[in-house]
Amino acid sequence: MTIAMTSPVAGATVAGLTSPTYSVAVDQAPNTNSKQWYVSAIGGTQTGVDAGSSATKPWTFTWSRPAQIKTLNAVDSNGVIRQVAFNTYEYLMRRGFIPLAGQAVRVANWRTQMPVLAGSDTADAQNIRAAVSSYIGGLNQQASGLAESMITGSL
């Protein structure tokens, strides 16, 4: 198993969090080409951060590989490959944020970009810090596994 998150995930250094850790547990992945974990508890000093994932305020990590690995096309009569396909791997973190006190939770999906809802910078700042910390922690922890997954096509 190339991608296998272990608990706890050490969070990255983020102002306002002291020694952040994120206990993760295996979750049901959305498809057979993915593996998923959820935050079950937090550690360190993370004042104001919700303790983990819930149905209404998720905090999940999903690692995915292509459903079908593409292979290299044949060379033409001139010895040139005209089109090269891509195999796209993905790391997704889902995190619920409160955009404004008293409002319903909205879910942000962080892939390459990290969208943060306007207003949550003041209403839910510590959870933004914790999401950044855990996201980077997950990437740090799985860097070798992700590279190996891209090479072998397995999770």
N, C-alpha and C. Protein backbone atom coordinates (compact mmCIF):
# COMPACT_ATOMS: atom_id res chain seq x y z
N MET A 1 0.85 -1.17 0.00
CA MET A 1 0.00 0.00 0.00
C MET A 1 0.89 1.23 0.00
N THR A 2 0.88 1.99 -1.07
CA THR A 2 1.74 3.16 -1.20
C THR A 2 1.26 4.31 -0.34
N ILE A 3 -0.01 4.66 -0.43
CA ILE A 3 -0.56 5.74 0.38
C ILE A 3 -1.23 5.10 1.60
N ALA A 4 -0.70 5.42 2.76
CA ALA A 4 -1.26 4.89 4.01
C ALA A 4 -1.00 5.92 5.10
N MET A 5 -1.94 6.83 5.29
CA MET A 5 -1.76 7.85 6.31
C MET A 5 -1.70 7.18 7.68
N THR A 6 -0.79 7.65 8.52
CA THR A 6 -0.69 7.13 9.87
C THR A 6 -1.06 8.24 10.84
N SER A 7 -1.55 7.82 11.97
CA SER A 7 -2.03 8.77 12.97
C SER A 7 -1.04 8.85 14.13
N PRO A 8 -0.75 10.04 14.60
CA PRO A 8 -1.31 11.32 14.17
C PRO A 8 -0.51 11.93 13.03
N VAL A 9 -1.16 12.83 12.29
CA VAL A 9 -0.49 13.64 11.28
C VAL A 9 0.05 14.86 12.01
N ALA A 10 1.34 15.11 11.87
CA ALA A 10 1.94 16.31 12.47
C ALA A 10 1.58 17.51 11.62
N GLY A 11 0.98 18.49 12.24
CA GLY A 11 0.61 19.71 11.53
C GLY A 11 1.81 20.57 11.26
N ALA A 12 1.69 21.38 10.22
CA ALA A 12 2.75 22.32 9.89
C ALA A 12 2.74 23.48 10.88
N THR A 13 3.84 24.18 10.94
CA THR A 13 3.92 25.35 11.81
C THR A 13 3.01 26.44 11.27
N VAL A 14 2.06 26.86 12.08
CA VAL A 14 1.11 27.91 11.72
C VAL A 14 0.92 28.78 12.96
N ALA A 15 0.97 30.09 12.79
CA ALA A 15 0.80 31.01 13.92
C ALA A 15 -0.51 30.71 14.65
N GLY A 16 -0.45 30.68 15.97
CA GLY A 16 -1.65 30.45 16.77
C GLY A 16 -1.88 29.01 17.14
N LEU A 17 -1.09 28.10 16.59
CA LEU A 17 -1.21 26.68 16.92
C LEU A 17 0.12 26.22 17.51
N THR A 18 0.07 25.49 18.61
CA THR A 18 1.28 24.99 19.24
C THR A 18 1.33 23.47 19.12
N SER A 19 2.34 22.96 18.45
CA SER A 19 2.52 21.52 18.25
C SER A 19 1.25 20.83 17.77
N PRO A 20 0.64 21.31 16.68
CA PRO A 20 -0.63 20.72 16.24
C PRO A 20 -0.46 19.30 15.70
N THR A 21 -1.36 18.43 16.12
CA THR A 21 -1.42 17.08 15.57
C THR A 21 -2.87 16.77 15.24
N TYR A 22 -3.07 15.84 14.32
CA TYR A 22 -4.40 15.48 13.86
C TYR A 22 -4.49 13.96 13.84
N SER A 23 -5.29 13.39 14.74
CA SER A 23 -5.52 11.95 14.74
C SER A 23 -6.44 11.65 13.56
N VAL A 24 -6.06 10.68 12.74
CA VAL A 24 -6.86 10.33 11.57
C VAL A 24 -7.30 8.88 11.66
N ALA A 25 -8.46 8.60 11.08
CA ALA A 25 -9.00 7.25 11.03
C ALA A 25 -9.46 6.98 9.60
N VAL A 26 -9.40 5.73 9.21
CA VAL A 26 -9.81 5.34 7.86
C VAL A 26 -11.28 5.66 7.67
N ASP A 27 -11.60 6.20 6.51
CA ASP A 27 -12.97 6.57 6.15
C ASP A 27 -13.34 5.84 4.87
N GLN A 28 -14.61 5.85 4.52
CA GLN A 28 -15.07 5.25 3.27
C GLN A 28 -14.71 6.18 2.12
N ALA A 29 -13.89 5.71 1.21
CA ALA A 29 -13.48 6.52 0.05
C ALA A 29 -14.65 6.66 -0.93
N PRO A 30 -14.67 7.74 -1.73
CA PRO A 30 -15.77 7.95 -2.66
C PRO A 30 -15.80 6.98 -3.83
N ASN A 31 -14.66 6.32 -4.12
CA ASN A 31 -14.62 5.36 -5.22
C ASN A 31 -13.46 4.40 -5.00
N THR A 32 -13.35 3.39 -5.86
CA THR A 32 -12.32 2.37 -5.69
C THR A 32 -10.92 2.85 -6.05
N ASN A 33 -10.81 4.02 -6.64
CA ASN A 33 -9.51 4.57 -7.01
C ASN A 33 -9.02 5.59 -5.99
N SER A 34 -9.63 5.60 -4.83
CA SER A 34 -9.29 6.57 -3.79
C SER A 34 -9.17 5.89 -2.44
N LYS A 35 -8.46 6.58 -1.55
CA LYS A 35 -8.39 6.20 -0.14
C LYS A 35 -8.70 7.46 0.65
N GLN A 36 -9.40 7.30 1.77
CA GLN A 36 -9.82 8.48 2.52
C GLN A 36 -9.66 8.25 4.02
N TRP A 37 -9.30 9.34 4.71
CA TRP A 37 -9.19 9.37 6.17
C TRP A 37 -9.94 10.60 6.65
N TYR A 38 -10.36 10.58 7.92
CA TYR A 38 -10.98 11.75 8.52
C TYR A 38 -10.27 12.09 9.82
N VAL A 39 -10.34 13.36 10.21
CA VAL A 39 -9.75 13.80 11.46
C VAL A 39 -10.70 13.39 12.58
N SER A 40 -10.20 12.56 13.50
CA SER A 40 -11.03 12.09 14.61
C SER A 40 -10.77 12.87 15.90
N ALA A 41 -9.62 13.49 16.01
CA ALA A 41 -9.27 14.29 17.19
C ALA A 41 -8.09 15.17 16.84
N ILE A 42 -7.89 16.23 17.63
CA ILE A 42 -6.75 17.11 17.45
C ILE A 42 -5.91 17.10 18.71
N GLY A 43 -4.62 17.43 18.56
CA GLY A 43 -3.72 17.51 19.70
C GLY A 43 -2.93 18.80 19.65
N GLY A 44 -2.15 19.02 20.68
CA GLY A 44 -1.42 20.27 20.79
C GLY A 44 -2.36 21.36 21.29
N THR A 45 -1.95 22.59 21.19
CA THR A 45 -2.80 23.70 21.59
C THR A 45 -3.40 24.32 20.34
N GLN A 46 -4.71 24.17 20.19
CA GLN A 46 -5.43 24.67 19.02
C GLN A 46 -6.74 25.30 19.50
N THR A 47 -6.63 26.32 20.27
CA THR A 47 -7.79 27.00 20.85
C THR A 47 -8.74 27.46 19.76
N GLY A 48 -10.01 27.10 19.90
CA GLY A 48 -11.03 27.52 18.95
C GLY A 48 -11.20 26.61 17.76
N VAL A 49 -10.39 25.55 17.68
CA VAL A 49 -10.48 24.62 16.56
C VAL A 49 -11.41 23.48 16.93
N ASP A 50 -12.34 23.13 16.04
CA ASP A 50 -13.23 22.01 16.28
C ASP A 50 -12.41 20.73 16.39
N ALA A 51 -12.82 19.84 17.27
CA ALA A 51 -12.04 18.66 17.62
C ALA A 51 -11.91 17.63 16.51
N GLY A 52 -12.70 17.65 15.50
CA GLY A 52 -12.58 16.66 14.44
C GLY A 52 -13.65 16.82 13.39
N SER A 53 -13.80 15.78 12.59
CA SER A 53 -14.74 15.77 11.49
C SER A 53 -16.14 15.40 11.98
N SER A 54 -17.14 15.93 11.32
CA SER A 54 -18.52 15.53 11.59
C SER A 54 -19.26 15.52 10.25
N ALA A 55 -20.45 14.98 10.26
CA ALA A 55 -21.23 14.91 9.02
C ALA A 55 -21.53 16.31 8.48
N THR A 56 -21.76 17.27 9.38
CA THR A 56 -22.11 18.61 8.93
C THR A 56 -20.92 19.54 8.77
N LYS A 57 -19.77 19.17 9.35
CA LYS A 57 -18.56 19.98 9.22
C LYS A 57 -17.38 19.03 8.98
N PRO A 58 -17.27 18.53 7.74
CA PRO A 58 -16.27 17.50 7.47
C PRO A 58 -14.84 18.01 7.52
N TRP A 59 -13.94 17.06 7.79
CA TRP A 59 -12.50 17.31 7.77
C TRP A 59 -11.89 16.01 7.29
N THR A 60 -11.76 15.87 5.99
CA THR A 60 -11.29 14.61 5.40
C THR A 60 -10.12 14.83 4.47
N PHE A 61 -9.34 13.77 4.29
CA PHE A 61 -8.21 13.73 3.36
C PHE A 61 -8.50 12.61 2.36
N THR A 62 -8.47 12.91 1.08
CA THR A 62 -8.72 11.90 0.06
C THR A 62 -7.57 11.90 -0.94
N TRP A 63 -7.01 10.73 -1.15
CA TRP A 63 -5.92 10.53 -2.13
C TRP A 63 -6.50 9.71 -3.27
N SER A 64 -6.31 10.18 -4.50
CA SER A 64 -6.90 9.49 -5.66
C SER A 64 -5.87 9.30 -6.76
N ARG A 65 -6.09 8.24 -7.49
CA ARG A 65 -5.29 7.96 -8.69
C ARG A 65 -6.23 7.88 -9.87
N PRO A 66 -5.70 7.92 -11.09
CA PRO A 66 -6.59 7.82 -12.26
C PRO A 66 -7.36 6.50 -12.25
N ALA A 67 -8.59 6.55 -12.73
CA ALA A 67 -9.40 5.35 -12.82
C ALA A 67 -8.77 4.35 -13.78
N GLN A 68 -8.14 4.87 -14.81
CA GLN A 68 -7.47 4.02 -15.79
C GLN A 68 -6.13 4.68 -16.12
N ILE A 69 -5.05 3.97 -15.84
CA ILE A 69 -3.72 4.51 -16.11
C ILE A 69 -3.51 4.57 -17.62
N LYS A 70 -3.14 5.74 -18.10
CA LYS A 70 -2.90 5.93 -19.53
C LYS A 70 -1.46 5.53 -19.85
N THR A 71 -1.27 5.00 -21.01
CA THR A 71 0.06 4.59 -21.44
C THR A 71 0.57 5.53 -22.53
N LEU A 72 1.85 5.42 -22.82
CA LEU A 72 2.47 6.25 -23.83
C LEU A 72 2.00 5.82 -25.22
N ASN A 73 1.66 6.78 -26.05
CA ASN A 73 1.25 6.49 -27.43
C ASN A 73 2.47 6.03 -28.24
N ALA A 74 2.21 5.36 -29.32
CA ALA A 74 3.29 4.87 -30.19
C ALA A 74 3.92 6.04 -30.95
N VAL A 75 5.16 5.85 -31.34
CA VAL A 75 5.83 6.85 -32.16
C VAL A 75 5.32 6.73 -33.60
N ASP A 76 5.33 7.85 -34.31
CA ASP A 76 4.89 7.81 -35.70
C ASP A 76 6.05 7.38 -36.59
N SER A 77 5.84 7.39 -37.90
CA SER A 77 6.86 6.93 -38.85
C SER A 77 8.12 7.79 -38.82
N ASN A 78 8.03 9.00 -38.26
CA ASN A 78 9.20 9.88 -38.13
C ASN A 78 9.89 9.71 -36.78
N GLY A 79 9.41 8.77 -35.97
CA GLY A 79 10.00 8.55 -34.65
C GLY A 79 9.59 9.58 -33.62
N VAL A 80 8.43 10.24 -33.84
CA VAL A 80 7.96 11.29 -32.94
C VAL A 80 6.64 10.86 -32.28
N ILE A 81 6.53 11.13 -31.00
CA ILE A 81 5.26 10.92 -30.30
C ILE A 81 4.49 12.22 -30.41
N ARG A 82 3.35 12.19 -31.08
CA ARG A 82 2.59 13.41 -31.35
C ARG A 82 1.77 13.87 -30.14
N GLN A 83 1.21 12.95 -29.38
CA GLN A 83 0.43 13.32 -28.21
C GLN A 83 0.86 12.47 -27.02
N VAL A 84 1.05 13.13 -25.89
CA VAL A 84 1.39 12.43 -24.66
C VAL A 84 0.25 12.66 -23.67
N ALA A 85 -0.32 11.57 -23.17
CA ALA A 85 -1.44 11.66 -22.23
C ALA A 85 -0.92 11.98 -20.82
N PHE A 86 -1.79 12.43 -19.96
CA PHE A 86 -1.46 12.71 -18.57
C PHE A 86 -2.22 11.76 -17.66
N ASN A 87 -1.59 11.35 -16.55
CA ASN A 87 -2.23 10.63 -15.46
C ASN A 87 -2.26 11.61 -14.29
N THR A 88 -3.42 11.94 -13.88
CA THR A 88 -3.56 12.95 -12.84
C THR A 88 -3.88 12.30 -11.50
N TYR A 89 -3.03 12.60 -10.51
CA TYR A 89 -3.23 12.16 -9.13
C TYR A 89 -3.73 13.35 -8.34
N GLU A 90 -4.49 13.08 -7.30
CA GLU A 90 -5.09 14.18 -6.58
C GLU A 90 -5.04 13.97 -5.07
N TYR A 91 -4.83 15.06 -4.37
CA TYR A 91 -4.92 15.10 -2.92
C TYR A 91 -5.97 16.15 -2.60
N LEU A 92 -6.99 15.73 -1.90
CA LEU A 92 -8.11 16.62 -1.60
C LEU A 92 -8.34 16.63 -0.10
N MET A 93 -8.48 17.80 0.46
CA MET A 93 -8.91 17.91 1.84
C MET A 93 -10.23 18.66 1.83
N ARG A 94 -11.24 18.07 2.50
CA ARG A 94 -12.54 18.73 2.65
C ARG A 94 -12.61 19.25 4.08
N ARG A 95 -13.00 20.51 4.24
CA ARG A 95 -13.10 21.09 5.58
C ARG A 95 -14.29 22.03 5.63
N GLY A 96 -15.13 21.85 6.63
CA GLY A 96 -16.26 22.74 6.83
C GLY A 96 -15.84 24.00 7.57
N PHE A 97 -16.32 25.14 7.12
CA PHE A 97 -16.05 26.43 7.75
C PHE A 97 -17.37 27.16 7.99
N ILE A 98 -17.36 28.01 8.99
CA ILE A 98 -18.49 28.89 9.25
C ILE A 98 -18.17 30.24 8.63
N PRO A 99 -18.93 30.68 7.61
CA PRO A 99 -18.61 31.95 6.95
C PRO A 99 -18.92 33.18 7.80
N LEU A 100 -19.87 33.05 8.72
CA LEU A 100 -20.26 34.16 9.58
C LEU A 100 -20.96 33.56 10.79
N ALA A 101 -20.71 34.10 11.97
CA ALA A 101 -21.35 33.58 13.18
C ALA A 101 -22.85 33.45 12.97
N GLY A 102 -23.39 32.30 13.36
CA GLY A 102 -24.82 32.06 13.23
C GLY A 102 -25.25 31.51 11.88
N GLN A 103 -24.33 31.41 10.95
CA GLN A 103 -24.65 30.90 9.62
C GLN A 103 -24.34 29.41 9.53
N ALA A 104 -24.86 28.77 8.51
CA ALA A 104 -24.63 27.35 8.29
C ALA A 104 -23.21 27.11 7.82
N VAL A 105 -22.70 25.93 8.12
CA VAL A 105 -21.37 25.53 7.68
C VAL A 105 -21.37 25.35 6.17
N ARG A 106 -20.29 25.77 5.55
CA ARG A 106 -20.06 25.53 4.12
C ARG A 106 -18.79 24.71 4.00
N VAL A 107 -18.72 23.83 3.02
CA VAL A 107 -17.57 22.95 2.86
C VAL A 107 -16.65 23.47 1.77
N ALA A 108 -15.37 23.62 2.12
CA ALA A 108 -14.34 24.01 1.15
C ALA A 108 -13.58 22.76 0.72
N ASN A 109 -13.29 22.64 -0.55
CA ASN A 109 -12.50 21.54 -1.09
C ASN A 109 -11.15 22.10 -1.52
N TRP A 110 -10.08 21.65 -0.85
CA TRP A 110 -8.75 22.15 -1.16
C TRP A 110 -8.01 21.14 -2.02
N ARG A 111 -7.70 21.52 -3.20
CA ARG A 111 -6.89 20.69 -4.09
C ARG A 111 -5.58 21.45 -4.29
N THR A 112 -5.48 22.14 -5.40
CA THR A 112 -4.31 22.98 -5.64
C THR A 112 -4.54 24.35 -5.04
N GLN A 113 -5.74 24.85 -5.16
CA GLN A 113 -6.10 26.13 -4.56
C GLN A 113 -6.78 25.86 -3.22
N MET A 114 -6.67 26.82 -2.33
CA MET A 114 -7.29 26.67 -1.02
C MET A 114 -8.32 27.77 -0.82
N PRO A 115 -9.58 27.56 -1.23
CA PRO A 115 -10.60 28.61 -1.06
C PRO A 115 -11.03 28.72 0.40
N VAL A 116 -11.11 29.94 0.85
CA VAL A 116 -11.60 30.22 2.21
C VAL A 116 -12.77 31.18 2.07
N LEU A 117 -13.87 30.88 2.71
CA LEU A 117 -15.06 31.71 2.61
C LEU A 117 -14.85 33.09 3.25
N ALA A 118 -15.30 34.13 2.58
CA ALA A 118 -15.21 35.49 3.14
C ALA A 118 -15.94 35.53 4.47
N GLY A 119 -15.34 36.15 5.42
CA GLY A 119 -15.96 36.24 6.74
C GLY A 119 -15.43 35.21 7.71
N SER A 120 -15.04 34.05 7.22
CA SER A 120 -14.53 33.03 8.13
C SER A 120 -13.16 33.40 8.68
N ASP A 121 -12.50 34.38 8.04
CA ASP A 121 -11.21 34.84 8.58
C ASP A 121 -11.38 35.47 9.96
N THR A 122 -12.55 36.03 10.23
CA THR A 122 -12.80 36.57 11.56
C THR A 122 -13.69 35.65 12.39
N ALA A 123 -14.61 34.93 11.75
CA ALA A 123 -15.55 34.09 12.49
C ALA A 123 -14.98 32.72 12.84
N ASP A 124 -13.99 32.24 12.09
CA ASP A 124 -13.51 30.87 12.28
C ASP A 124 -12.02 30.76 12.00
N ALA A 125 -11.25 31.78 12.41
CA ALA A 125 -9.83 31.87 12.07
C ALA A 125 -9.01 30.67 12.52
N GLN A 126 -9.25 30.16 13.72
CA GLN A 126 -8.45 29.04 14.20
C GLN A 126 -8.68 27.78 13.38
N ASN A 127 -9.89 27.57 12.88
CA ASN A 127 -10.13 26.41 12.03
C ASN A 127 -9.48 26.57 10.67
N ILE A 128 -9.34 27.80 10.19
CA ILE A 128 -8.58 28.03 8.96
C ILE A 128 -7.12 27.67 9.20
N ARG A 129 -6.56 28.14 10.32
CA ARG A 129 -5.17 27.80 10.65
C ARG A 129 -4.98 26.30 10.77
N ALA A 130 -5.92 25.64 11.44
CA ALA A 130 -5.82 24.19 11.63
C ALA A 130 -5.95 23.44 10.30
N ALA A 131 -6.82 23.92 9.41
CA ALA A 131 -6.97 23.28 8.10
C ALA A 131 -5.67 23.39 7.31
N VAL A 132 -5.05 24.58 7.30
CA VAL A 132 -3.78 24.76 6.61
C VAL A 132 -2.72 23.84 7.22
N SER A 133 -2.67 23.81 8.53
CA SER A 133 -1.70 22.97 9.23
C SER A 133 -1.87 21.50 8.88
N SER A 134 -3.09 21.00 8.96
CA SER A 134 -3.32 19.57 8.69
C SER A 134 -3.12 19.22 7.22
N TYR A 135 -3.51 20.12 6.33
CA TYR A 135 -3.34 19.89 4.89
C TYR A 135 -1.86 19.74 4.55
N ILE A 136 -1.06 20.67 5.02
CA ILE A 136 0.38 20.61 4.75
C ILE A 136 1.00 19.42 5.46
N GLY A 137 0.52 19.12 6.68
CA GLY A 137 1.01 17.95 7.39
C GLY A 137 0.75 16.67 6.63
N GLY A 138 -0.43 16.54 6.04
CA GLY A 138 -0.74 15.37 5.23
C GLY A 138 0.15 15.26 4.00
N LEU A 139 0.39 16.39 3.34
CA LEU A 139 1.30 16.40 2.19
C LEU A 139 2.72 16.03 2.60
N ASN A 140 3.18 16.64 3.71
CA ASN A 140 4.52 16.31 4.19
C ASN A 140 4.65 14.83 4.50
N GLN A 141 3.66 14.28 5.17
CA GLN A 141 3.72 12.88 5.58
C GLN A 141 3.71 11.94 4.38
N GLN A 142 3.02 12.28 3.32
CA GLN A 142 2.82 11.36 2.20
C GLN A 142 3.61 11.71 0.95
N ALA A 143 4.61 12.60 1.04
CA ALA A 143 5.36 13.01 -0.14
C ALA A 143 5.99 11.82 -0.86
N SER A 144 6.67 10.96 -0.14
CA SER A 144 7.31 9.80 -0.77
C SER A 144 6.26 8.85 -1.33
N GLY A 145 5.20 8.63 -0.58
CA GLY A 145 4.14 7.74 -1.05
C GLY A 145 3.45 8.26 -2.29
N LEU A 146 3.23 9.57 -2.34
CA LEU A 146 2.60 10.18 -3.51
C LEU A 146 3.49 10.03 -4.74
N ALA A 147 4.79 10.29 -4.57
CA ALA A 147 5.72 10.12 -5.69
C ALA A 147 5.72 8.67 -6.16
N GLU A 148 5.76 7.73 -5.21
CA GLU A 148 5.75 6.31 -5.56
C GLU A 148 4.44 5.93 -6.25
N SER A 149 3.34 6.50 -5.78
CA SER A 149 2.04 6.24 -6.39
C SER A 149 2.01 6.72 -7.83
N MET A 150 2.62 7.88 -8.09
CA MET A 150 2.67 8.41 -9.46
C MET A 150 3.55 7.53 -10.35
N ILE A 151 4.54 6.89 -9.76
CA ILE A 151 5.44 6.02 -10.53
C ILE A 151 4.80 4.66 -10.78
N THR A 152 4.17 4.09 -9.74
CA THR A 152 3.64 2.73 -9.85
C THR A 152 2.17 2.66 -10.25
N GLY A 153 1.43 3.78 -10.03
CA GLY A 153 0.01 3.76 -10.35
C GLY A 153 -0.83 3.12 -9.26
N SER A 154 -0.22 2.80 -8.12
CA SER A 154 -1.00 2.19 -7.04
C SER A 154 -1.10 3.14 -5.86
N LEU A 155 -2.10 2.92 -5.04
CA LEU A 155 -2.25 3.69 -3.82
C LEU A 155 -1.83 2.83 -2.67
